[in-house]
Amino acid sequence: IAADVPVVVIFGTDSDDATFELGQMVAQLTGEKAAQIKVAEFPIAEDGTTWREYNVRQVPTAIVFRDGTETASFAGAQDRSFLDSFLTRHAS
């Protein structure tokens, strides 16, 4: 993943409530940091291999990429405080 700022990729499914809620919270929080971090969602049902390459074993899983390299991740639903701290730490 090539970008001029870190990218958070959320691996999940369209039918999973936790994935939806995580995506909504991350979008709100990154909206405040739009110049410093980007978000992409990756629906694992549409691709049978990519999520395995990144060892995604639970949905949702969020992985931060900086300069194409995985730099951080977490799995499972998280609260707003955790997400804000996580995104702030990994924003450029």
N, C-alpha and C. Protein backbone atom coordinates (compact mmCIF):
# COMPACT_ATOMS: atom_id res chain seq x y z
N ILE A 1 0.86 -1.18 0.00
CA ILE A 1 0.00 0.00 0.00
C ILE A 1 0.89 1.22 0.00
N ALA A 2 0.78 1.99 -1.04
CA ALA A 2 1.60 3.18 -1.17
C ALA A 2 0.73 4.42 -0.96
N ALA A 3 1.15 5.28 -0.06
CA ALA A 3 0.44 6.53 0.20
C ALA A 3 1.42 7.50 0.84
N ASP A 4 1.09 8.77 0.78
CA ASP A 4 1.96 9.77 1.38
C ASP A 4 1.75 9.91 2.89
N VAL A 5 0.74 9.25 3.42
CA VAL A 5 0.47 9.22 4.86
C VAL A 5 0.16 7.78 5.26
N PRO A 6 0.21 7.46 6.55
CA PRO A 6 -0.15 6.10 6.97
C PRO A 6 -1.59 5.76 6.55
N VAL A 7 -1.82 4.48 6.29
CA VAL A 7 -3.14 4.00 5.90
C VAL A 7 -3.58 2.92 6.88
N VAL A 8 -4.79 3.07 7.41
CA VAL A 8 -5.40 2.05 8.27
C VAL A 8 -6.33 1.24 7.39
N VAL A 9 -6.08 -0.06 7.29
CA VAL A 9 -6.95 -0.94 6.52
C VAL A 9 -7.76 -1.76 7.51
N ILE A 10 -9.09 -1.68 7.38
CA ILE A 10 -9.97 -2.45 8.25
C ILE A 10 -10.45 -3.67 7.48
N PHE A 11 -10.04 -4.84 7.95
CA PHE A 11 -10.47 -6.10 7.36
C PHE A 11 -11.72 -6.56 8.09
N GLY A 12 -12.78 -6.84 7.35
CA GLY A 12 -14.01 -7.27 7.99
C GLY A 12 -15.00 -7.81 6.99
N THR A 13 -16.23 -7.95 7.45
CA THR A 13 -17.31 -8.42 6.59
C THR A 13 -18.44 -7.41 6.61
N ASP A 14 -19.18 -7.37 5.54
CA ASP A 14 -20.31 -6.44 5.44
C ASP A 14 -21.41 -6.76 6.44
N SER A 15 -21.52 -8.01 6.84
CA SER A 15 -22.62 -8.42 7.71
C SER A 15 -22.26 -8.36 9.20
N ASP A 16 -21.05 -7.95 9.53
CA ASP A 16 -20.60 -7.94 10.92
C ASP A 16 -20.81 -6.57 11.55
N ASP A 17 -21.60 -6.51 12.62
CA ASP A 17 -21.88 -5.24 13.29
C ASP A 17 -20.62 -4.59 13.84
N ALA A 18 -19.71 -5.38 14.40
CA ALA A 18 -18.48 -4.81 14.97
C ALA A 18 -17.63 -4.15 13.88
N THR A 19 -17.59 -4.76 12.70
CA THR A 19 -16.84 -4.16 11.59
C THR A 19 -17.46 -2.83 11.20
N PHE A 20 -18.79 -2.80 11.09
CA PHE A 20 -19.49 -1.57 10.73
C PHE A 20 -19.23 -0.47 11.75
N GLU A 21 -19.39 -0.80 13.03
CA GLU A 21 -19.20 0.20 14.09
C GLU A 21 -17.76 0.70 14.13
N LEU A 22 -16.80 -0.22 13.99
CA LEU A 22 -15.40 0.19 13.97
C LEU A 22 -15.14 1.12 12.79
N GLY A 23 -15.64 0.77 11.63
CA GLY A 23 -15.45 1.62 10.45
C GLY A 23 -16.03 3.01 10.64
N GLN A 24 -17.20 3.09 11.26
CA GLN A 24 -17.83 4.39 11.52
C GLN A 24 -16.99 5.23 12.48
N MET A 25 -16.55 4.62 13.59
CA MET A 25 -15.75 5.38 14.57
C MET A 25 -14.42 5.82 13.98
N VAL A 26 -13.76 4.92 13.26
CA VAL A 26 -12.47 5.27 12.65
C VAL A 26 -12.66 6.39 11.62
N ALA A 27 -13.71 6.32 10.84
CA ALA A 27 -13.98 7.38 9.85
C ALA A 27 -14.19 8.73 10.54
N GLN A 28 -14.94 8.74 11.63
CA GLN A 28 -15.15 9.99 12.37
C GLN A 28 -13.83 10.53 12.91
N LEU A 29 -13.05 9.66 13.53
CA LEU A 29 -11.80 10.10 14.14
C LEU A 29 -10.76 10.51 13.10
N THR A 30 -10.70 9.80 12.00
CA THR A 30 -9.71 10.16 10.98
C THR A 30 -10.16 11.38 10.19
N GLY A 31 -11.45 11.67 10.20
CA GLY A 31 -11.93 12.89 9.56
C GLY A 31 -11.28 14.11 10.18
N GLU A 32 -11.02 14.01 11.49
CA GLU A 32 -10.34 15.09 12.20
C GLU A 32 -8.85 15.13 11.90
N LYS A 33 -8.32 14.03 11.36
CA LYS A 33 -6.89 13.90 11.07
C LYS A 33 -6.67 13.58 9.59
N ALA A 34 -7.56 14.02 8.73
CA ALA A 34 -7.57 13.60 7.33
C ALA A 34 -6.25 13.83 6.61
N ALA A 35 -5.52 14.85 6.96
CA ALA A 35 -4.25 15.11 6.28
C ALA A 35 -3.12 14.23 6.82
N GLN A 36 -3.39 13.51 7.93
CA GLN A 36 -2.34 12.75 8.58
C GLN A 36 -2.49 11.24 8.47
N ILE A 37 -3.68 10.76 8.15
CA ILE A 37 -3.91 9.31 8.09
C ILE A 37 -5.12 9.03 7.21
N LYS A 38 -5.06 7.94 6.47
CA LYS A 38 -6.16 7.55 5.58
C LYS A 38 -6.74 6.21 6.06
N VAL A 39 -7.96 5.93 5.63
CA VAL A 39 -8.64 4.69 6.00
C VAL A 39 -9.13 3.99 4.75
N ALA A 40 -8.98 2.68 4.74
CA ALA A 40 -9.54 1.85 3.67
C ALA A 40 -10.19 0.64 4.31
N GLU A 41 -11.29 0.20 3.74
CA GLU A 41 -11.96 -1.00 4.23
C GLU A 41 -11.73 -2.12 3.24
N PHE A 42 -11.51 -3.32 3.78
CA PHE A 42 -11.24 -4.48 2.94
C PHE A 42 -12.21 -5.59 3.32
N PRO A 43 -13.22 -5.83 2.48
CA PRO A 43 -14.18 -6.90 2.76
C PRO A 43 -13.56 -8.27 2.45
N ILE A 44 -13.29 -9.05 3.48
CA ILE A 44 -12.57 -10.30 3.29
C ILE A 44 -13.35 -11.33 2.48
N ALA A 45 -14.67 -11.22 2.43
CA ALA A 45 -15.47 -12.17 1.67
C ALA A 45 -15.22 -12.05 0.17
N GLU A 46 -14.74 -10.91 -0.28
CA GLU A 46 -14.51 -10.69 -1.70
C GLU A 46 -13.14 -11.17 -2.17
N ASP A 47 -12.29 -11.54 -1.24
CA ASP A 47 -10.93 -11.94 -1.59
C ASP A 47 -10.49 -13.05 -0.65
N GLY A 48 -10.19 -14.19 -1.17
CA GLY A 48 -9.85 -15.33 -0.33
C GLY A 48 -8.40 -15.44 0.07
N THR A 49 -7.53 -14.52 -0.39
CA THR A 49 -6.11 -14.69 -0.09
C THR A 49 -5.46 -13.52 0.64
N THR A 50 -5.82 -12.30 0.30
CA THR A 50 -5.12 -11.14 0.86
C THR A 50 -5.18 -11.11 2.37
N TRP A 51 -6.35 -11.35 2.94
CA TRP A 51 -6.47 -11.31 4.40
C TRP A 51 -5.61 -12.38 5.06
N ARG A 52 -5.42 -13.50 4.37
CA ARG A 52 -4.55 -14.55 4.92
C ARG A 52 -3.08 -14.11 4.93
N GLU A 53 -2.69 -13.36 3.91
CA GLU A 53 -1.32 -12.87 3.83
C GLU A 53 -0.96 -12.00 5.03
N TYR A 54 -1.98 -11.32 5.58
CA TYR A 54 -1.75 -10.43 6.73
C TYR A 54 -2.18 -11.07 8.04
N ASN A 55 -2.41 -12.40 8.01
CA ASN A 55 -2.69 -13.18 9.21
C ASN A 55 -3.94 -12.67 9.95
N VAL A 56 -4.94 -12.25 9.21
CA VAL A 56 -6.19 -11.80 9.82
C VAL A 56 -6.96 -13.03 10.29
N ARG A 57 -7.16 -13.12 11.59
CA ARG A 57 -7.84 -14.27 12.17
C ARG A 57 -9.14 -13.92 12.86
N GLN A 58 -9.42 -12.63 12.95
CA GLN A 58 -10.63 -12.16 13.61
C GLN A 58 -11.11 -10.92 12.89
N VAL A 59 -12.42 -10.76 12.82
CA VAL A 59 -12.96 -9.52 12.26
C VAL A 59 -13.69 -8.78 13.37
N PRO A 60 -13.54 -7.48 13.38
CA PRO A 60 -12.67 -6.72 12.49
C PRO A 60 -11.21 -6.75 12.95
N THR A 61 -10.32 -6.59 12.01
CA THR A 61 -8.90 -6.39 12.27
C THR A 61 -8.47 -5.13 11.54
N ALA A 62 -7.74 -4.27 12.21
CA ALA A 62 -7.22 -3.05 11.59
C ALA A 62 -5.70 -3.14 11.55
N ILE A 63 -5.14 -2.83 10.41
CA ILE A 63 -3.69 -2.85 10.23
C ILE A 63 -3.26 -1.49 9.68
N VAL A 64 -2.22 -0.92 10.28
CA VAL A 64 -1.65 0.35 9.81
C VAL A 64 -0.46 0.04 8.92
N PHE A 65 -0.45 0.69 7.76
CA PHE A 65 0.67 0.58 6.83
C PHE A 65 1.29 1.95 6.67
N ARG A 66 2.61 1.99 6.78
CA ARG A 66 3.37 3.22 6.55
C ARG A 66 4.44 2.87 5.52
N ASP A 67 4.43 3.62 4.42
CA ASP A 67 5.37 3.36 3.32
C ASP A 67 5.31 1.91 2.84
N GLY A 68 4.10 1.35 2.84
CA GLY A 68 3.90 -0.01 2.35
C GLY A 68 4.21 -1.12 3.33
N THR A 69 4.65 -0.77 4.54
CA THR A 69 5.02 -1.76 5.54
C THR A 69 4.04 -1.74 6.70
N GLU A 70 3.65 -2.93 7.14
CA GLU A 70 2.76 -3.03 8.30
C GLU A 70 3.50 -2.55 9.54
N THR A 71 2.90 -1.59 10.27
CA THR A 71 3.57 -1.05 11.44
C THR A 71 2.82 -1.28 12.74
N ALA A 72 1.53 -1.56 12.66
CA ALA A 72 0.74 -1.79 13.88
C ALA A 72 -0.58 -2.44 13.50
N SER A 73 -1.19 -3.08 14.48
CA SER A 73 -2.50 -3.68 14.22
C SER A 73 -3.23 -3.93 15.53
N PHE A 74 -4.52 -4.17 15.41
CA PHE A 74 -5.32 -4.66 16.53
C PHE A 74 -6.49 -5.43 15.95
N ALA A 75 -7.05 -6.30 16.77
CA ALA A 75 -8.19 -7.11 16.35
C ALA A 75 -9.33 -6.94 17.34
N GLY A 76 -10.53 -7.01 16.81
CA GLY A 76 -11.71 -6.95 17.66
C GLY A 76 -12.23 -5.54 17.83
N ALA A 77 -13.43 -5.48 18.39
CA ALA A 77 -14.07 -4.19 18.64
C ALA A 77 -13.29 -3.43 19.71
N GLN A 78 -13.19 -2.13 19.55
CA GLN A 78 -12.46 -1.27 20.50
C GLN A 78 -13.31 -0.05 20.80
N ASP A 79 -13.07 0.56 21.94
CA ASP A 79 -13.84 1.76 22.28
C ASP A 79 -13.19 3.00 21.65
N ARG A 80 -13.93 4.08 21.67
CA ARG A 80 -13.50 5.33 21.03
C ARG A 80 -12.18 5.85 21.59
N SER A 81 -11.99 5.74 22.90
CA SER A 81 -10.77 6.21 23.53
C SER A 81 -9.55 5.46 23.00
N PHE A 82 -9.65 4.14 22.91
CA PHE A 82 -8.56 3.33 22.38
C PHE A 82 -8.27 3.74 20.94
N LEU A 83 -9.33 3.85 20.13
CA LEU A 83 -9.15 4.18 18.72
C LEU A 83 -8.50 5.55 18.53
N ASP A 84 -8.94 6.53 19.30
CA ASP A 84 -8.36 7.87 19.19
C ASP A 84 -6.88 7.84 19.52
N SER A 85 -6.52 7.15 20.58
CA SER A 85 -5.12 7.03 20.98
C SER A 85 -4.32 6.29 19.91
N PHE A 86 -4.84 5.19 19.40
CA PHE A 86 -4.17 4.38 18.38
C PHE A 86 -3.93 5.21 17.12
N LEU A 87 -4.96 5.90 16.65
CA LEU A 87 -4.83 6.69 15.44
C LEU A 87 -3.88 7.87 15.62
N THR A 88 -3.92 8.50 16.78
CA THR A 88 -3.02 9.62 17.06
C THR A 88 -1.57 9.15 17.06
N ARG A 89 -1.30 7.99 17.66
CA ARG A 89 0.06 7.44 17.70
C ARG A 89 0.59 7.14 16.30
N HIS A 90 -0.29 6.73 15.40
CA HIS A 90 0.18 6.26 14.09
C HIS A 90 -0.03 7.26 12.96
N ALA A 91 -0.62 8.40 13.24
CA ALA A 91 -0.75 9.44 12.23
C ALA A 91 0.61 10.08 11.98
N SER A 92 0.80 10.60 10.78
CA SER A 92 2.12 11.21 10.48
C SER A 92 2.23 12.59 11.07
